[in-house]
PDB file of all heavy atoms in Angstrom:
ATOM      1  N   GLY A   1     -64.010 -34.010  19.901  1.00  0.00           N
ATOM      2  CA  GLY A   1     -63.878 -33.917  18.457  1.00  0.00           C
ATOM      3  C   GLY A   1     -62.456 -33.828  17.966  1.00  0.00           C
ATOM      4  O   GLY A   1     -62.212 -33.480  16.806  1.00  0.00           O
ATOM      5  N   GLY A   2     -61.489 -34.112  18.828  1.00  0.00           N
ATOM      6  CA  GLY A   2     -60.100 -34.092  18.407  1.00  0.00           C
ATOM      7  C   GLY A   2     -59.472 -32.722  18.332  1.00  0.00           C
ATOM      8  O   GLY A   2     -58.365 -32.568  17.801  1.00  0.00           O
ATOM      9  N   VAL A   3     -60.149 -31.699  18.862  1.00  0.00           N
ATOM     10  CA  VAL A   3     -59.595 -30.343  18.860  1.00  0.00           C
ATOM     11  C   VAL A   3     -58.537 -30.222  19.947  1.00  0.00           C
ATOM     12  O   VAL A   3     -58.760 -30.621  21.094  1.00  0.00           O
ATOM     13  CB  VAL A   3     -60.713 -29.296  19.077  1.00  0.00           C
ATOM     14  CG1 VAL A   3     -60.117 -27.895  19.265  1.00  0.00           C
ATOM     15  CG2 VAL A   3     -61.681 -29.311  17.901  1.00  0.00           C
ATOM     16  N   ALA A   4     -57.394 -29.657  19.603  1.00  0.00           N
ATOM     17  CA  ALA A   4     -56.305 -29.448  20.565  1.00  0.00           C
ATOM     18  C   ALA A   4     -55.870 -27.989  20.494  1.00  0.00           C
ATOM     19  O   ALA A   4     -55.552 -27.485  19.422  1.00  0.00           O
ATOM     20  CB  ALA A   4     -55.131 -30.363  20.264  1.00  0.00           C
ATOM     21  N   LEU A   5     -55.882 -27.317  21.652  1.00  0.00           N
ATOM     22  CA  LEU A   5     -55.480 -25.916  21.714  1.00  0.00           C
ATOM     23  C   LEU A   5     -54.273 -25.772  22.633  1.00  0.00           C
ATOM     24  O   LEU A   5     -54.292 -26.300  23.756  1.00  0.00           O
ATOM     25  CB  LEU A   5     -56.617 -25.041  22.240  1.00  0.00           C
ATOM     26  CG  LEU A   5     -57.882 -24.958  21.382  1.00  0.00           C
ATOM     27  CD1 LEU A   5     -58.935 -24.104  22.084  1.00  0.00           C
ATOM     28  CD2 LEU A   5     -57.590 -24.391  20.004  1.00  0.00           C
ATOM     29  N   PRO A   6     -53.218 -25.091  22.210  1.00  0.00           N
ATOM     30  CA  PRO A   6     -52.071 -24.861  23.097  1.00  0.00           C
ATOM     31  C   PRO A   6     -52.435 -23.914  24.225  1.00  0.00           C
ATOM     32  O   PRO A   6     -53.154 -22.924  24.009  1.00  0.00           O
ATOM     33  CB  PRO A   6     -51.014 -24.250  22.165  1.00  0.00           C
ATOM     34  CG  PRO A   6     -51.796 -23.658  21.044  1.00  0.00           C
ATOM     35  CD  PRO A   6     -53.012 -24.496  20.872  1.00  0.00           C
ATOM     36  N   VAL A   7     -51.988 -24.218  25.427  1.00  0.00           N
ATOM     37  CA  VAL A   7     -52.255 -23.368  26.594  1.00  0.00           C
ATOM     38  C   VAL A   7     -50.949 -23.178  27.363  1.00  0.00           C
ATOM     39  O   VAL A   7     -49.969 -23.871  27.129  1.00  0.00           O
ATOM     40  CB  VAL A   7     -53.328 -23.978  27.526  1.00  0.00           C
ATOM     41  CG1 VAL A   7     -54.676 -24.033  26.839  1.00  0.00           C
ATOM     42  CG2 VAL A   7     -52.918 -25.369  27.989  1.00  0.00           C
ATOM     43  N   ARG A   8     -50.997 -22.224  28.273  1.00  0.00           N
ATOM     44  CA  ARG A   8     -49.826 -21.972  29.125  1.00  0.00           C
ATOM     45  C   ARG A   8     -50.031 -22.625  30.485  1.00  0.00           C
ATOM     46  O   ARG A   8     -51.133 -22.672  31.004  1.00  0.00           O
ATOM     47  CB  ARG A   8     -49.614 -20.474  29.259  1.00  0.00           C
ATOM     48  CG  ARG A   8     -49.188 -19.820  27.941  1.00  0.00           C
ATOM     49  CD  ARG A   8     -48.877 -18.348  28.099  1.00  0.00           C
ATOM     50  NE  ARG A   8     -48.299 -17.805  26.872  1.00  0.00           N
ATOM     51  CZ  ARG A   8     -47.921 -16.545  26.728  1.00  0.00           C
ATOM     52  NH1 ARG A   8     -48.044 -15.696  27.732  1.00  0.00           N
ATOM     53  NH2 ARG A   8     -47.399 -16.137  25.577  1.00  0.00           N
ATOM     54  N   GLY A   9     -48.912 -23.126  31.077  1.00  0.00           N
ATOM     55  CA  GLY A   9     -48.942 -23.833  32.353  1.00  0.00           C
ATOM     56  C   GLY A   9     -49.149 -22.912  33.516  1.00  0.00           C
ATOM     57  O   GLY A   9     -49.355 -21.717  33.344  1.00  0.00           O
ATOM     58  N   PRO A  10     -49.099 -23.485  34.732  1.00  0.00           N
ATOM     59  CA  PRO A  10     -48.791 -24.897  35.029  1.00  0.00           C
ATOM     60  C   PRO A  10     -49.971 -25.828  34.777  1.00  0.00           C
ATOM     61  O   PRO A  10     -51.113 -25.385  34.730  1.00  0.00           O
ATOM     62  CB  PRO A  10     -48.436 -24.860  36.516  1.00  0.00           C
ATOM     63  CG  PRO A  10     -49.238 -23.723  37.054  1.00  0.00           C
ATOM     64  CD  PRO A  10     -49.280 -22.694  35.957  1.00  0.00           C
ATOM     65  N   ALA A  11     -49.668 -27.108  34.628  1.00  0.00           N
ATOM     66  CA  ALA A  11     -50.712 -28.101  34.371  1.00  0.00           C
ATOM     67  C   ALA A  11     -51.520 -28.341  35.636  1.00  0.00           C
ATOM     68  O   ALA A  11     -50.965 -28.563  36.711  1.00  0.00           O
ATOM     69  CB  ALA A  11     -50.081 -29.408  33.900  1.00  0.00           C
ATOM     70  N   PRO A  12     -52.860 -28.290  35.563  1.00  0.00           N
ATOM     71  CA  PRO A  12     -53.687 -28.525  36.754  1.00  0.00           C
ATOM     72  C   PRO A  12     -53.772 -30.004  37.091  1.00  0.00           C
ATOM     73  O   PRO A  12     -53.544 -30.867  36.234  1.00  0.00           O
ATOM     74  CB  PRO A  12     -55.051 -27.973  36.316  1.00  0.00           C
ATOM     75  CG  PRO A  12     -55.061 -28.168  34.823  1.00  0.00           C
ATOM     76  CD  PRO A  12     -53.648 -27.972  34.364  1.00  0.00           C
ATOM     77  N   ASP A  13     -54.111 -30.301  38.343  1.00  0.00           N
ATOM     78  CA  ASP A  13     -54.241 -31.683  38.798  1.00  0.00           C
ATOM     79  C   ASP A  13     -55.681 -32.187  38.721  1.00  0.00           C
ATOM     80  O   ASP A  13     -55.922 -33.386  38.790  1.00  0.00           O
ATOM     81  CB  ASP A  13     -53.753 -31.809  40.246  1.00  0.00           C
ATOM     82  CG  ASP A  13     -52.268 -31.471  40.379  1.00  0.00           C
ATOM     83  OD1 ASP A  13     -51.526 -31.777  39.445  1.00  0.00           O
ATOM     84  OD2 ASP A  13     -51.886 -30.879  41.406  1.00  0.00           O
ATOM     85  N   SER A  14     -56.647 -31.258  38.610  1.00  0.00           N
ATOM     86  CA  SER A  14     -58.058 -31.638  38.626  1.00  0.00           C
ATOM     87  C   SER A  14     -58.703 -31.298  37.267  1.00  0.00           C
ATOM     88  O   SER A  14     -58.128 -30.570  36.473  1.00  0.00           O
ATOM     89  CB  SER A  14     -58.780 -30.893  39.751  1.00  0.00           C
ATOM     90  OG  SER A  14     -58.600 -29.508  39.605  1.00  0.00           O
ATOM     91  N   PRO A  15     -59.903 -31.839  36.998  1.00  0.00           N
ATOM     92  CA  PRO A  15     -60.594 -31.540  35.738  1.00  0.00           C
ATOM     93  C   PRO A  15     -60.808 -30.043  35.564  1.00  0.00           C
ATOM     94  O   PRO A  15     -61.126 -29.320  36.510  1.00  0.00           O
ATOM     95  CB  PRO A  15     -61.919 -32.285  35.883  1.00  0.00           C
ATOM     96  CG  PRO A  15     -61.638 -33.367  36.871  1.00  0.00           C
ATOM     97  CD  PRO A  15     -60.655 -32.788  37.828  1.00  0.00           C
ATOM     98  N   VAL A  16     -60.655 -29.598  34.324  1.00  0.00           N
ATOM     99  CA  VAL A  16     -60.751 -28.167  34.045  1.00  0.00           C
ATOM    100  C   VAL A  16     -61.563 -27.915  32.788  1.00  0.00           C
ATOM    101  O   VAL A  16     -61.843 -28.822  32.004  1.00  0.00           O
ATOM    102  CB  VAL A  16     -59.356 -27.522  33.886  1.00  0.00           C
ATOM    103  CG1 VAL A  16     -58.571 -27.547  35.174  1.00  0.00           C
ATOM    104  CG2 VAL A  16     -58.590 -28.183  32.759  1.00  0.00           C
ATOM    105  N   CYS A  17     -61.925 -26.642  32.612  1.00  0.00           N
ATOM    106  CA  CYS A  17     -62.474 -26.139  31.360  1.00  0.00           C
ATOM    107  C   CYS A  17     -61.507 -25.101  30.805  1.00  0.00           C
ATOM    108  O   CYS A  17     -60.870 -24.374  31.573  1.00  0.00           O
ATOM    109  CB  CYS A  17     -63.838 -25.497  31.575  1.00  0.00           C
ATOM    110  SG  CYS A  17     -65.159 -26.661  31.974  1.00  0.00           S
ATOM    111  N   ILE A  18     -61.416 -25.037  29.488  1.00  0.00           N
ATOM    112  CA  ILE A  18     -60.651 -23.971  28.868  1.00  0.00           C
ATOM    113  C   ILE A  18     -61.620 -22.861  28.477  1.00  0.00           C
ATOM    114  O   ILE A  18     -62.738 -23.124  28.031  1.00  0.00           O
ATOM    115  CB  ILE A  18     -59.867 -24.477  27.626  1.00  0.00           C
ATOM    116  CG1 ILE A  18     -58.979 -23.356  27.082  1.00  0.00           C
ATOM    117  CG2 ILE A  18     -60.807 -25.011  26.547  1.00  0.00           C
ATOM    118  CD1 ILE A  18     -58.032 -23.813  25.985  1.00  0.00           C
ATOM    119  N   GLY A  19     -61.207 -21.631  28.697  1.00  0.00           N
ATOM    120  CA  GLY A  19     -62.034 -20.501  28.360  1.00  0.00           C
ATOM    121  C   GLY A  19     -61.301 -19.525  27.470  1.00  0.00           C
ATOM    122  O   GLY A  19     -60.084 -19.349  27.597  1.00  0.00           O
ATOM    123  N   PHE A  20     -62.025 -18.905  26.569  1.00  0.00           N
ATOM    124  CA  PHE A  20     -61.479 -17.833  25.732  1.00  0.00           C
ATOM    125  C   PHE A  20     -62.637 -17.016  25.182  1.00  0.00           C
ATOM    126  O   PHE A  20     -63.731 -17.521  24.968  1.00  0.00           O
ATOM    127  CB  PHE A  20     -60.594 -18.376  24.598  1.00  0.00           C
ATOM    128  CG  PHE A  20     -61.233 -19.479  23.774  1.00  0.00           C
ATOM    129  CD1 PHE A  20     -61.971 -19.187  22.634  1.00  0.00           C
ATOM    130  CD2 PHE A  20     -61.082 -20.804  24.156  1.00  0.00           C
ATOM    131  CE1 PHE A  20     -62.543 -20.197  21.872  1.00  0.00           C
ATOM    132  CE2 PHE A  20     -61.661 -21.815  23.405  1.00  0.00           C
ATOM    133  CZ  PHE A  20     -62.394 -21.524  22.268  1.00  0.00           C
ATOM    134  N   ARG A  21     -62.376 -15.750  24.970  1.00  0.00           N
ATOM    135  CA  ARG A  21     -63.413 -14.834  24.523  1.00  0.00           C
ATOM    136  C   ARG A  21     -63.603 -14.917  23.006  1.00  0.00           C
ATOM    137  O   ARG A  21     -62.651 -15.220  22.272  1.00  0.00           O
ATOM    138  CB  ARG A  21     -63.073 -13.407  24.934  1.00  0.00           C
ATOM    139  CG  ARG A  21     -63.079 -13.235  26.444  1.00  0.00           C
ATOM    140  CD  ARG A  21     -62.787 -11.808  26.884  1.00  0.00           C
ATOM    141  NE  ARG A  21     -62.911 -11.738  28.340  1.00  0.00           N
ATOM    142  CZ  ARG A  21     -64.054 -11.568  28.978  1.00  0.00           C
ATOM    143  NH1 ARG A  21     -65.162 -11.402  28.274  1.00  0.00           N
ATOM    144  NH2 ARG A  21     -64.103 -11.533  30.293  1.00  0.00           N
ATOM    145  N   PRO A  22     -64.810 -14.613  22.522  1.00  0.00           N
ATOM    146  CA  PRO A  22     -65.039 -14.618  21.071  1.00  0.00           C
ATOM    147  C   PRO A  22     -64.056 -13.727  20.312  1.00  0.00           C
ATOM    148  O   PRO A  22     -63.639 -14.076  19.210  1.00  0.00           O
ATOM    149  CB  PRO A  22     -66.473 -14.097  20.950  1.00  0.00           C
ATOM    150  CG  PRO A  22     -67.134 -14.526  22.231  1.00  0.00           C
ATOM    151  CD  PRO A  22     -66.060 -14.387  23.273  1.00  0.00           C
ATOM    152  N   SER A  23     -63.668 -12.600  20.921  1.00  0.00           N
ATOM    153  CA  SER A  23     -62.743 -11.700  20.243  1.00  0.00           C
ATOM    154  C   SER A  23     -61.340 -12.268  20.121  1.00  0.00           C
ATOM    155  O   SER A  23     -60.520 -11.751  19.358  1.00  0.00           O
ATOM    156  CB  SER A  23     -62.692 -10.365  20.991  1.00  0.00           C
ATOM    157  OG  SER A  23     -62.283 -10.567  22.331  1.00  0.00           O
ATOM    158  N   ALA A  24     -61.035 -13.348  20.870  1.00  0.00           N
ATOM    159  CA  ALA A  24     -59.716 -13.967  20.810  1.00  0.00           C
ATOM    160  C   ALA A  24     -59.605 -14.991  19.680  1.00  0.00           C
ATOM    161  O   ALA A  24     -58.499 -15.424  19.345  1.00  0.00           O
ATOM    162  CB  ALA A  24     -59.377 -14.632  22.141  1.00  0.00           C
ATOM    163  N   VAL A  25     -60.724 -15.385  19.114  1.00  0.00           N
ATOM    164  CA  VAL A  25     -60.707 -16.406  18.062  1.00  0.00           C
ATOM    165  C   VAL A  25     -60.218 -15.782  16.754  1.00  0.00           C
ATOM    166  O   VAL A  25     -60.720 -14.743  16.306  1.00  0.00           O
ATOM    167  CB  VAL A  25     -62.112 -17.002  17.861  1.00  0.00           C
ATOM    168  CG1 VAL A  25     -62.099 -18.029  16.726  1.00  0.00           C
ATOM    169  CG2 VAL A  25     -62.598 -17.655  19.152  1.00  0.00           C
ATOM    170  N   VAL A  26     -59.234 -16.425  16.157  1.00  0.00           N
ATOM    171  CA  VAL A  26     -58.668 -15.979  14.866  1.00  0.00           C
ATOM    172  C   VAL A  26     -59.271 -16.849  13.771  1.00  0.00           C
ATOM    173  O   VAL A  26     -59.167 -18.071  13.810  1.00  0.00           O
ATOM    174  CB  VAL A  26     -57.137 -16.092  14.862  1.00  0.00           C
ATOM    175  CG1 VAL A  26     -56.573 -15.630  13.516  1.00  0.00           C
ATOM    176  CG2 VAL A  26     -56.541 -15.273  16.002  1.00  0.00           C
ATOM    177  N   LEU A  27     -59.918 -16.202  12.785  1.00  0.00           N
ATOM    178  CA  LEU A  27     -60.565 -16.918  11.697  1.00  0.00           C
ATOM    179  C   LEU A  27     -59.817 -16.721  10.382  1.00  0.00           C
ATOM    180  O   LEU A  27     -59.220 -15.666  10.152  1.00  0.00           O
ATOM    181  CB  LEU A  27     -62.008 -16.431  11.514  1.00  0.00           C
ATOM    182  CG  LEU A  27     -62.996 -16.724  12.640  1.00  0.00           C
ATOM    183  CD1 LEU A  27     -64.374 -16.212  12.256  1.00  0.00           C
ATOM    184  CD2 LEU A  27     -63.047 -18.203  12.963  1.00  0.00           C
ATOM    185  N   SER A  28     -59.889 -17.748   9.535  1.00  0.00           N
ATOM    186  CA  SER A  28     -59.309 -17.656   8.206  1.00  0.00           C
ATOM    187  C   SER A  28     -60.139 -18.491   7.234  1.00  0.00           C
ATOM    188  O   SER A  28     -60.682 -19.540   7.607  1.00  0.00           O
ATOM    189  CB  SER A  28     -57.865 -18.162   8.219  1.00  0.00           C
ATOM    190  OG  SER A  28     -57.350 -18.246   6.897  1.00  0.00           O
ATOM    191  N   ARG A  29     -60.255 -18.021   6.005  1.00  0.00           N
ATOM    192  CA  ARG A  29     -60.928 -18.814   4.971  1.00  0.00           C
ATOM    193  C   ARG A  29     -59.997 -19.884   4.406  1.00  0.00           C
ATOM    194  O   ARG A  29     -60.461 -20.852   3.809  1.00  0.00           O
ATOM    195  CB  ARG A  29     -61.392 -17.896   3.835  1.00  0.00           C
ATOM    196  CG  ARG A  29     -62.412 -16.853   4.243  1.00  0.00           C
ATOM    197  CD  ARG A  29     -62.840 -16.045   3.017  1.00  0.00           C
ATOM    198  NE  ARG A  29     -63.801 -14.993   3.353  1.00  0.00           N
ATOM    199  CZ  ARG A  29     -63.470 -13.768   3.724  1.00  0.00           C
ATOM    200  NH1 ARG A  29     -62.184 -13.440   3.816  1.00  0.00           N
ATOM    201  NH2 ARG A  29     -64.398 -12.867   4.008  1.00  0.00           N
ATOM    202  N   ASP A  30     -58.706 -19.673   4.558  1.00  0.00           N
ATOM    203  CA  ASP A  30     -57.712 -20.574   3.978  1.00  0.00           C
ATOM    204  C   ASP A  30     -57.030 -21.391   5.073  1.00  0.00           C
ATOM    205  O   ASP A  30     -56.933 -20.953   6.219  1.00  0.00           O
ATOM    206  CB  ASP A  30     -56.669 -19.772   3.207  1.00  0.00           C
ATOM    207  CG  ASP A  30     -57.300 -18.911   2.127  1.00  0.00           C
ATOM    208  OD1 ASP A  30     -58.153 -19.449   1.383  1.00  0.00           O
ATOM    209  OD2 ASP A  30     -56.955 -17.709   2.053  1.00  0.00           O
ATOM    210  N   PRO A  31     -56.525 -22.583   4.730  1.00  0.00           N
ATOM    211  CA  PRO A  31     -55.838 -23.396   5.733  1.00  0.00           C
ATOM    212  C   PRO A  31     -54.661 -22.670   6.350  1.00  0.00           C
ATOM    213  O   PRO A  31     -53.914 -21.969   5.679  1.00  0.00           O
ATOM    214  CB  PRO A  31     -55.367 -24.606   4.916  1.00  0.00           C
ATOM    215  CG  PRO A  31     -56.284 -24.670   3.746  1.00  0.00           C
ATOM    216  CD  PRO A  31     -56.616 -23.237   3.420  1.00  0.00           C
TER     217      PRO A  31
END
């Protein structure tokens, strides 16, 4: 869907999943 999230390295060589906890999500009503 075109979503891009910044992550910290190093860059992996194989396919990966990104993980993050619900409490880490920052929400806003405004842009």
